Amino acid sequence: MTVYFSKEAEGQLEELISYLSDAWSQRVKTDFLALLSDKLERISQMPELYRKSEKRPGLRECIINRQTILYYRIGSNDIEVVAILSSRRTDNN
């Protein structure tokens, strides 16, 4: 299935990449992007692989790393990445 990002998720990803570039090394950023790419590939092949979100009904959540969670929705022909959030921020939403 095709995976695409909502405008909100695109913005969140851009902010995260910018933060990684500013506060961490190029390697940290590259490793994160490789991990994200791997998770997106898995989601495209097995959309129901990750658990249903208890906090966000209708969405599934994929833990990218200890700090980052990706939320997505399975459509009939595609998969929408709805949000990419800091795990610390999700506790407050």
PDB file of N, CA and C in Angstrom:
ATOM      1  N   MET A   1       0.836  -1.186   0.000  1.00  0.00           N
ATOM      2  CA  MET A   1       0.000   0.000   0.000  1.00  0.00           C
ATOM      3  C   MET A   1       0.882   1.251   0.000  1.00  0.00           C
ATOM      4  N   THR A   2       0.350   2.300  -0.542  1.00  0.00           N
ATOM      5  CA  THR A   2       1.053   3.574  -0.578  1.00  0.00           C
ATOM      6  C   THR A   2       0.915   4.280   0.759  1.00  0.00           C
ATOM      7  N   VAL A   3       2.018   4.820   1.248  1.00  0.00           N
ATOM      8  CA  VAL A   3       2.020   5.582   2.498  1.00  0.00           C
ATOM      9  C   VAL A   3       2.235   7.051   2.156  1.00  0.00           C
ATOM     10  N   TYR A   4       1.389   7.918   2.721  1.00  0.00           N
ATOM     11  CA  TYR A   4       1.584   9.355   2.527  1.00  0.00           C
ATOM     12  C   TYR A   4       1.425  10.078   3.853  1.00  0.00           C
ATOM     13  N   PHE A   5       1.961  11.299   3.920  1.00  0.00           N
ATOM     14  CA  PHE A   5       1.939  12.106   5.142  1.00  0.00           C
ATOM     15  C   PHE A   5       0.872  13.186   5.039  1.00  0.00           C
ATOM     16  N   SER A   6       0.137  13.386   6.123  1.00  0.00           N
ATOM     17  CA  SER A   6      -0.755  14.535   6.203  1.00  0.00           C
ATOM     18  C   SER A   6       0.109  15.791   6.269  1.00  0.00           C
ATOM     19  N   LYS A   7      -0.488  16.946   6.008  1.00  0.00           N
ATOM     20  CA  LYS A   7       0.270  18.204   6.096  1.00  0.00           C
ATOM     21  C   LYS A   7       0.822  18.393   7.507  1.00  0.00           C
ATOM     22  N   GLU A   8       0.021  18.036   8.516  1.00  0.00           N
ATOM     23  CA  GLU A   8       0.470  18.166   9.901  1.00  0.00           C
ATOM     24  C   GLU A   8       1.686  17.274  10.162  1.00  0.00           C
ATOM     25  N   ALA A   9       1.612  16.032   9.701  1.00  0.00           N
ATOM     26  CA  ALA A   9       2.725  15.099   9.902  1.00  0.00           C
ATOM     27  C   ALA A   9       3.975  15.563   9.152  1.00  0.00           C
ATOM     28  N   GLU A  10       3.795  16.110   7.947  1.00  0.00           N
ATOM     29  CA  GLU A  10       4.934  16.648   7.199  1.00  0.00           C
ATOM     30  C   GLU A  10       5.629  17.742   7.991  1.00  0.00           C
ATOM     31  N   GLY A  11       4.826  18.651   8.557  1.00  0.00           N
ATOM     32  CA  GLY A  11       5.386  19.740   9.359  1.00  0.00           C
ATOM     33  C   GLY A  11       6.108  19.225  10.591  1.00  0.00           C
ATOM     34  N   GLN A  12       5.516  18.244  11.241  1.00  0.00           N
ATOM     35  CA  GLN A  12       6.134  17.673  12.441  1.00  0.00           C
ATOM     36  C   GLN A  12       7.455  16.990  12.084  1.00  0.00           C
ATOM     37  N   LEU A  13       7.492  16.301  10.957  1.00  0.00           N
ATOM     38  CA  LEU A  13       8.723  15.640  10.530  1.00  0.00           C
ATOM     39  C   LEU A  13       9.794  16.675  10.200  1.00  0.00           C
ATOM     40  N   GLU A  14       9.421  17.738   9.505  1.00  0.00           N
ATOM     41  CA  GLU A  14      10.383  18.799   9.191  1.00  0.00           C
ATOM     42  C   GLU A  14      10.956  19.408  10.469  1.00  0.00           C
ATOM     43  N   GLU A  15      10.096  19.666  11.455  1.00  0.00           N
ATOM     44  CA  GLU A  15      10.561  20.221  12.733  1.00  0.00           C
ATOM     45  C   GLU A  15      11.520  19.262  13.428  1.00  0.00           C
ATOM     46  N   LEU A  16      11.186  17.986  13.406  1.00  0.00           N
ATOM     47  CA  LEU A  16      12.025  16.980  14.055  1.00  0.00           C
ATOM     48  C   LEU A  16      13.388  16.883  13.369  1.00  0.00           C
ATOM     49  N   ILE A  17      13.392  16.868  12.052  1.00  0.00           N
ATOM     50  CA  ILE A  17      14.655  16.795  11.316  1.00  0.00           C
ATOM     51  C   ILE A  17      15.495  18.039  11.575  1.00  0.00           C
ATOM     52  N   SER A  18      14.851  19.185  11.615  1.00  0.00           N
ATOM     53  CA  SER A  18      15.560  20.428  11.912  1.00  0.00           C
ATOM     54  C   SER A  18      16.172  20.379  13.310  1.00  0.00           C
ATOM     55  N   TYR A  19      15.401  19.892  14.267  1.00  0.00           N
ATOM     56  CA  TYR A  19      15.899  19.754  15.640  1.00  0.00           C
ATOM     57  C   TYR A  19      17.097  18.809  15.683  1.00  0.00           C
ATOM     58  N   LEU A  20      16.992  17.675  15.019  1.00  0.00           N
ATOM     59  CA  LEU A  20      18.106  16.721  15.016  1.00  0.00           C
ATOM     60  C   LEU A  20      19.346  17.333  14.376  1.00  0.00           C
ATOM     61  N   SER A  21      19.141  18.109  13.317  1.00  0.00           N
ATOM     62  CA  SER A  21      20.277  18.762  12.642  1.00  0.00           C
ATOM     63  C   SER A  21      20.944  19.790  13.543  1.00  0.00           C
ATOM     64  N   ASP A  22      20.134  20.533  14.291  1.00  0.00           N
ATOM     65  CA  ASP A  22      20.666  21.603  15.142  1.00  0.00           C
ATOM     66  C   ASP A  22      21.260  21.093  16.451  1.00  0.00           C
ATOM     67  N   ALA A  23      20.601  20.122  17.068  1.00  0.00           N
ATOM     68  CA  ALA A  23      20.986  19.715  18.424  1.00  0.00           C
ATOM     69  C   ALA A  23      21.836  18.439  18.468  1.00  0.00           C
ATOM     70  N   TRP A  24      21.855  17.684  17.399  1.00  0.00           N
ATOM     71  CA  TRP A  24      22.562  16.412  17.396  1.00  0.00           C
ATOM     72  C   TRP A  24      23.482  16.333  16.190  1.00  0.00           C
ATOM     73  N   SER A  25      24.139  15.217  16.032  1.00  0.00           N
ATOM     74  CA  SER A  25      25.076  15.050  14.919  1.00  0.00           C
ATOM     75  C   SER A  25      24.345  14.611  13.650  1.00  0.00           C
ATOM     76  N   GLN A  26      25.053  14.729  12.543  1.00  0.00           N
ATOM     77  CA  GLN A  26      24.520  14.261  11.259  1.00  0.00           C
ATOM     78  C   GLN A  26      24.208  12.767  11.331  1.00  0.00           C
ATOM     79  N   ARG A  27      25.014  12.042  12.056  1.00  0.00           N
ATOM     80  CA  ARG A  27      24.800  10.591  12.175  1.00  0.00           C
ATOM     81  C   ARG A  27      23.487  10.282  12.880  1.00  0.00           C
ATOM     82  N   VAL A  28      23.162  11.022  13.931  1.00  0.00           N
ATOM     83  CA  VAL A  28      21.899  10.815  14.641  1.00  0.00           C
ATOM     84  C   VAL A  28      20.732  11.052  13.688  1.00  0.00           C
ATOM     85  N   LYS A  29      20.818  12.122  12.915  1.00  0.00           N
ATOM     86  CA  LYS A  29      19.766  12.440  11.948  1.00  0.00           C
ATOM     87  C   LYS A  29      19.657  11.343  10.893  1.00  0.00           C
ATOM     88  N   THR A  30      20.777  10.918  10.349  1.00  0.00           N
ATOM     89  CA  THR A  30      20.790   9.873   9.325  1.00  0.00           C
ATOM     90  C   THR A  30      20.242   8.558   9.871  1.00  0.00           C
ATOM     91  N   ASP A  31      20.655   8.191  11.080  1.00  0.00           N
ATOM     92  CA  ASP A  31      20.158   6.958  11.699  1.00  0.00           C
ATOM     93  C   ASP A  31      18.650   7.023  11.921  1.00  0.00           C
ATOM     94  N   PHE A  32      18.150   8.187  12.368  1.00  0.00           N
ATOM     95  CA  PHE A  32      16.705   8.338  12.584  1.00  0.00           C
ATOM     96  C   PHE A  32      15.958   8.184  11.255  1.00  0.00           C
ATOM     97  N   LEU A  33      16.438   8.839  10.209  1.00  0.00           N
ATOM     98  CA  LEU A  33      15.762   8.753   8.917  1.00  0.00           C
ATOM     99  C   LEU A  33      15.779   7.333   8.358  1.00  0.00           C
ATOM    100  N   ALA A  34      16.864   6.598   8.580  1.00  0.00           N
ATOM    101  CA  ALA A  34      16.929   5.202   8.143  1.00  0.00           C
ATOM    102  C   ALA A  34      15.925   4.353   8.918  1.00  0.00           C
ATOM    103  N   LEU A  35      15.824   4.589  10.219  1.00  0.00           N
ATOM    104  CA  LEU A  35      14.870   3.856  11.053  1.00  0.00           C
ATOM    105  C   LEU A  35      13.435   4.181  10.631  1.00  0.00           C
ATOM    106  N   LEU A  36      13.154   5.448  10.393  1.00  0.00           N
ATOM    107  CA  LEU A  36      11.829   5.866   9.942  1.00  0.00           C
ATOM    108  C   LEU A  36      11.490   5.203   8.610  1.00  0.00           C
ATOM    109  N   SER A  37      12.422   5.201   7.689  1.00  0.00           N
ATOM    110  CA  SER A  37      12.213   4.585   6.382  1.00  0.00           C
ATOM    111  C   SER A  37      11.891   3.098   6.519  1.00  0.00           C
ATOM    112  N   ASP A  38      12.618   2.412   7.397  1.00  0.00           N
ATOM    113  CA  ASP A  38      12.371   0.995   7.636  1.00  0.00           C
ATOM    114  C   ASP A  38      10.968   0.767   8.195  1.00  0.00           C
ATOM    115  N   LYS A  39      10.560   1.584   9.154  1.00  0.00           N
ATOM    116  CA  LYS A  39       9.223   1.443   9.754  1.00  0.00           C
ATOM    117  C   LYS A  39       8.138   1.709   8.712  1.00  0.00           C
ATOM    118  N   LEU A  40       8.329   2.722   7.865  1.00  0.00           N
ATOM    119  CA  LEU A  40       7.340   3.030   6.830  1.00  0.00           C
ATOM    120  C   LEU A  40       7.230   1.895   5.817  1.00  0.00           C
ATOM    121  N   GLU A  41       8.343   1.285   5.494  1.00  0.00           N
ATOM    122  CA  GLU A  41       8.334   0.134   4.576  1.00  0.00           C
ATOM    123  C   GLU A  41       7.536  -1.023   5.192  1.00  0.00           C
ATOM    124  N   ARG A  42       7.757  -1.279   6.466  1.00  0.00           N
ATOM    125  CA  ARG A  42       7.015  -2.343   7.150  1.00  0.00           C
ATOM    126  C   ARG A  42       5.519  -2.043   7.174  1.00  0.00           C
ATOM    127  N   ILE A  43       5.175  -0.783   7.460  1.00  0.00           N
ATOM    128  CA  ILE A  43       3.768  -0.382   7.492  1.00  0.00           C
ATOM    129  C   ILE A  43       3.140  -0.576   6.116  1.00  0.00           C
ATOM    130  N   SER A  44       3.844  -0.224   5.054  1.00  0.00           N
ATOM    131  CA  SER A  44       3.292  -0.361   3.704  1.00  0.00           C
ATOM    132  C   SER A  44       3.044  -1.823   3.336  1.00  0.00           C
ATOM    133  N   GLN A  45       3.873  -2.716   3.858  1.00  0.00           N
ATOM    134  CA  GLN A  45       3.735  -4.140   3.553  1.00  0.00           C
ATOM    135  C   GLN A  45       2.768  -4.858   4.483  1.00  0.00           C
ATOM    136  N   MET A  46       2.715  -4.433   5.750  1.00  0.00           N
ATOM    137  CA  MET A  46       1.856  -5.075   6.753  1.00  0.00           C
ATOM    138  C   MET A  46       1.179  -3.987   7.592  1.00  0.00           C
ATOM    139  N   PRO A  47       0.152  -3.346   7.061  1.00  0.00           N
ATOM    140  CA  PRO A  47      -0.460  -2.200   7.742  1.00  0.00           C
ATOM    141  C   PRO A  47      -0.941  -2.471   9.168  1.00  0.00           C
ATOM    142  N   GLU A  48      -1.322  -3.695   9.463  1.00  0.00           N
ATOM    143  CA  GLU A  48      -1.854  -4.003  10.791  1.00  0.00           C
ATOM    144  C   GLU A  48      -0.787  -4.511  11.753  1.00  0.00           C
ATOM    145  N   LEU A  49       0.472  -4.374  11.359  1.00  0.00           N
ATOM    146  CA  LEU A  49       1.583  -4.855  12.184  1.00  0.00           C
ATOM    147  C   LEU A  49       1.628  -4.189  13.554  1.00  0.00           C
ATOM    148  N   TYR A  50       1.397  -2.879  13.595  1.00  0.00           N
ATOM    149  CA  TYR A  50       1.511  -2.145  14.855  1.00  0.00           C
ATOM    150  C   TYR A  50       0.148  -2.017  15.526  1.00  0.00           C
ATOM    151  N   ARG A  51       0.187  -1.857  16.833  1.00  0.00           N
ATOM    152  CA  ARG A  51      -1.040  -1.911  17.638  1.00  0.00           C
ATOM    153  C   ARG A  51      -1.961  -0.714  17.420  1.00  0.00           C
ATOM    154  N   LYS A  52      -3.226  -0.945  17.707  1.00  0.00           N
ATOM    155  CA  LYS A  52      -4.213   0.128  17.677  1.00  0.00           C
ATOM    156  C   LYS A  52      -3.943   1.052  18.848  1.00  0.00           C
ATOM    157  N   SER A  53      -4.080   2.332  18.612  1.00  0.00           N
ATOM    158  CA  SER A  53      -3.826   3.323  19.648  1.00  0.00           C
ATOM    159  C   SER A  53      -4.977   3.358  20.641  1.00  0.00           C
ATOM    160  N   GLU A  54      -4.639   3.358  21.918  1.00  0.00           N
ATOM    161  CA  GLU A  54      -5.655   3.501  22.959  1.00  0.00           C
ATOM    162  C   GLU A  54      -6.023   4.972  23.150  1.00  0.00           C
ATOM    163  N   LYS A  55      -5.061   5.874  22.919  1.00  0.00           N
ATOM    164  CA  LYS A  55      -5.281   7.306  23.121  1.00  0.00           C
ATOM    165  C   LYS A  55      -5.944   7.970  21.921  1.00  0.00           C
ATOM    166  N   ARG A  56      -5.752   7.405  20.744  1.00  0.00           N
ATOM    167  CA  ARG A  56      -6.257   8.000  19.507  1.00  0.00           C
ATOM    168  C   ARG A  56      -7.050   6.958  18.723  1.00  0.00           C
ATOM    169  N   PRO A  57      -8.359   6.844  19.012  1.00  0.00           N
ATOM    170  CA  PRO A  57      -9.194   5.841  18.337  1.00  0.00           C
ATOM    171  C   PRO A  57      -9.149   5.992  16.809  1.00  0.00           C
ATOM    172  N   GLY A  58      -9.116   4.858  16.135  1.00  0.00           N
ATOM    173  CA  GLY A  58      -9.075   4.850  14.680  1.00  0.00           C
ATOM    174  C   GLY A  58      -7.678   4.907  14.103  1.00  0.00           C
ATOM    175  N   LEU A  59      -6.672   5.073  14.979  1.00  0.00           N
ATOM    176  CA  LEU A  59      -5.289   5.145  14.519  1.00  0.00           C
ATOM    177  C   LEU A  59      -4.480   3.979  15.071  1.00  0.00           C
ATOM    178  N   ARG A  60      -3.380   3.726  14.414  1.00  0.00           N
ATOM    179  CA  ARG A  60      -2.392   2.764  14.910  1.00  0.00           C
ATOM    180  C   ARG A  60      -1.147   3.539  15.274  1.00  0.00           C
ATOM    181  N   GLU A  61      -0.353   2.973  16.187  1.00  0.00           N
ATOM    182  CA  GLU A  61       0.859   3.671  16.602  1.00  0.00           C
ATOM    183  C   GLU A  61       2.075   2.788  16.414  1.00  0.00           C
ATOM    184  N   CYS A  62       3.102   3.408  15.887  1.00  0.00           N
ATOM    185  CA  CYS A  62       4.371   2.738  15.630  1.00  0.00           C
ATOM    186  C   CYS A  62       5.444   3.494  16.403  1.00  0.00           C
ATOM    187  N   ILE A  63       6.092   2.814  17.304  1.00  0.00           N
ATOM    188  CA  ILE A  63       7.169   3.440  18.068  1.00  0.00           C
ATOM    189  C   ILE A  63       8.419   3.434  17.194  1.00  0.00           C
ATOM    190  N   ILE A  64       8.877   4.641  16.863  1.00  0.00           N
ATOM    191  CA  ILE A  64      10.080   4.784  16.038  1.00  0.00           C
ATOM    192  C   ILE A  64      11.317   4.584  16.901  1.00  0.00           C
ATOM    193  N   ASN A  65      11.348   5.281  18.030  1.00  0.00           N
ATOM    194  CA  ASN A  65      12.400   5.115  19.030  1.00  0.00           C
ATOM    195  C   ASN A  65      11.817   5.544  20.377  1.00  0.00           C
ATOM    196  N   ARG A  66      12.641   5.619  21.406  1.00  0.00           N
ATOM    197  CA  ARG A  66      12.108   5.943  22.745  1.00  0.00           C
ATOM    198  C   ARG A  66      11.456   7.319  22.811  1.00  0.00           C
ATOM    199  N   GLN A  67      11.820   8.203  21.911  1.00  0.00           N
ATOM    200  CA  GLN A  67      11.290   9.561  21.959  1.00  0.00           C
ATOM    201  C   GLN A  67      10.192   9.846  20.937  1.00  0.00           C
ATOM    202  N   THR A  68       9.998   8.983  19.962  1.00  0.00           N
ATOM    203  CA  THR A  68       9.144   9.322  18.828  1.00  0.00           C
ATOM    204  C   THR A  68       8.130   8.228  18.512  1.00  0.00           C
ATOM    205  N   ILE A  69       6.874   8.651  18.332  1.00  0.00           N
ATOM    206  CA  ILE A  69       5.794   7.736  17.960  1.00  0.00           C
ATOM    207  C   ILE A  69       5.147   8.261  16.685  1.00  0.00           C
ATOM    208  N   LEU A  70       4.907   7.352  15.762  1.00  0.00           N
ATOM    209  CA  LEU A  70       4.236   7.674  14.511  1.00  0.00           C
ATOM    210  C   LEU A  70       2.807   7.134  14.590  1.00  0.00           C
ATOM    211  N   TYR A  71       1.825   7.970  14.290  1.00  0.00           N
ATOM    212  CA  TYR A  71       0.420   7.561  14.270  1.00  0.00           C
ATOM    213  C   TYR A  71      -0.042   7.523  12.828  1.00  0.00           C
ATOM    214  N   TYR A  72      -0.768   6.447  12.465  1.00  0.00           N
ATOM    215  CA  TYR A  72      -1.238   6.327  11.093  1.00  0.00           C
ATOM    216  C   TYR A  72      -2.627   5.714  11.027  1.00  0.00           C
ATOM    217  N   ARG A  73      -3.273   5.965   9.871  1.00  0.00           N
ATOM    218  CA  ARG A  73      -4.627   5.483   9.617  1.00  0.00           C
ATOM    219  C   ARG A  73      -4.586   4.638   8.353  1.00  0.00           C
ATOM    220  N   ILE A  74      -5.207   3.476   8.399  1.00  0.00           N
ATOM    221  CA  ILE A  74      -5.270   2.595   7.239  1.00  0.00           C
ATOM    222  C   ILE A  74      -6.533   2.925   6.448  1.00  0.00           C
ATOM    223  N   GLY A  75      -6.358   3.296   5.180  1.00  0.00           N
ATOM    224  CA  GLY A  75      -7.481   3.549   4.286  1.00  0.00           C
ATOM    225  C   GLY A  75      -7.745   2.331   3.426  1.00  0.00           C
ATOM    226  N   SER A  76      -8.672   2.454   2.503  1.00  0.00           N
ATOM    227  CA  SER A  76      -8.990   1.312   1.643  1.00  0.00           C
ATOM    228  C   SER A  76      -7.886   1.045   0.620  1.00  0.00           C
ATOM    229  N   ASN A  77      -7.195   2.112   0.176  1.00  0.00           N
ATOM    230  CA  ASN A  77      -6.143   1.946  -0.833  1.00  0.00           C
ATOM    231  C   ASN A  77      -4.798   2.510  -0.426  1.00  0.00           C
ATOM    232  N   ASP A  78      -4.739   3.140   0.751  1.00  0.00           N
ATOM    233  CA  ASP A  78      -3.491   3.779   1.155  1.00  0.00           C
ATOM    234  C   ASP A  78      -3.418   3.893   2.678  1.00  0.00           C
ATOM    235  N   ILE A  79      -2.299   4.428   3.129  1.00  0.00           N
ATOM    236  CA  ILE A  79      -2.057   4.604   4.556  1.00  0.00           C
ATOM    237  C   ILE A  79      -1.633   6.051   4.771  1.00  0.00           C
ATOM    238  N   GLU A  80      -2.315   6.736   5.682  1.00  0.00           N
ATOM    239  CA  GLU A  80      -1.998   8.130   5.973  1.00  0.00           C
ATOM    240  C   GLU A  80      -1.249   8.227   7.292  1.00  0.00           C
ATOM    241  N   VAL A  81      -0.051   8.793   7.253  1.00  0.00           N
ATOM    242  CA  VAL A  81       0.654   9.125   8.483  1.00  0.00           C
ATOM    243  C   VAL A  81       0.016  10.416   8.982  1.00  0.00           C
ATOM    244  N   VAL A  82      -0.600  10.339  10.150  1.00  0.00           N
ATOM    245  CA  VAL A  82      -1.373  11.448  10.697  1.00  0.00           C
ATOM    246  C   VAL A  82      -0.501  12.356  11.554  1.00  0.00           C
ATOM    247  N   ALA A  83       0.433  11.760  12.319  1.00  0.00           N
ATOM    248  CA  ALA A  83       1.263  12.558  13.224  1.00  0.00           C
ATOM    249  C   ALA A  83       2.550  11.816  13.546  1.00  0.00           C
ATOM    250  N   ILE A  84       3.592  12.604  13.803  1.00  0.00           N
ATOM    251  CA  ILE A  84       4.857  12.092  14.328  1.00  0.00           C
ATOM    252  C   ILE A  84       5.146  12.949  15.550  1.00  0.00           C
ATOM    253  N   LEU A  85       5.021  12.348  16.727  1.00  0.00           N
ATOM    254  CA  LEU A  85       5.087  13.115  17.967  1.00  0.00           C
ATOM    255  C   LEU A  85       6.146  12.602  18.915  1.00  0.00           C
ATOM    256  N   SER A  86       6.640  13.514  19.714  1.00  0.00           N
ATOM    257  CA  SER A  86       7.516  13.150  20.812  1.00  0.00           C
ATOM    258  C   SER A  86       6.690  12.341  21.803  1.00  0.00           C
ATOM    259  N   SER A  87       7.249  11.268  22.318  1.00  0.00           N
ATOM    260  CA  SER A  87       6.508  10.450  23.275  1.00  0.00           C
ATOM    261  C   SER A  87       6.206  11.247  24.547  1.00  0.00           C
ATOM    262  N   ARG A  88       7.010  12.233  24.853  1.00  0.00           N
ATOM    263  CA  ARG A  88       6.725  13.087  26.006  1.00  0.00           C
ATOM    264  C   ARG A  88       5.518  13.970  25.755  1.00  0.00           C
ATOM    265  N   ARG A  89       5.345  14.431  24.523  1.00  0.00           N
ATOM    266  CA  ARG A  89       4.211  15.278  24.184  1.00  0.00           C
ATOM    267  C   ARG A  89       2.900  14.497  24.168  1.00  0.00           C
ATOM    268  N   THR A  90       2.935  13.215  23.789  1.00  0.00           N
ATOM    269  CA  THR A  90       1.691  12.461  23.677  1.00  0.00           C
ATOM    270  C   THR A  90       1.023  12.281  25.026  1.00  0.00           C
ATOM    271  N   ASP A  91       1.782  12.318  26.106  1.00  0.00           N
ATOM    272  CA  ASP A  91       1.194  12.182  27.441  1.00  0.00           C
ATOM    273  C   ASP A  91       0.327  13.383  27.802  1.00  0.00           C
ATOM    274  N   ASN A  92       0.601  14.517  27.168  1.00  0.00           N
ATOM    275  CA  ASN A  92      -0.128  15.744  27.486  1.00  0.00           C
ATOM    276  C   ASN A  92      -1.305  15.999  26.576  1.00  0.00           C
ATOM    277  N   ASN A  93      -1.465  15.196  25.527  1.00  0.00           N
ATOM    278  CA  ASN A  93      -2.564  15.415  24.571  1.00  0.00           C
ATOM    279  C   ASN A  93      -3.781  14.627  24.922  1.00  0.00           C
TER     280      ASN A  93
END
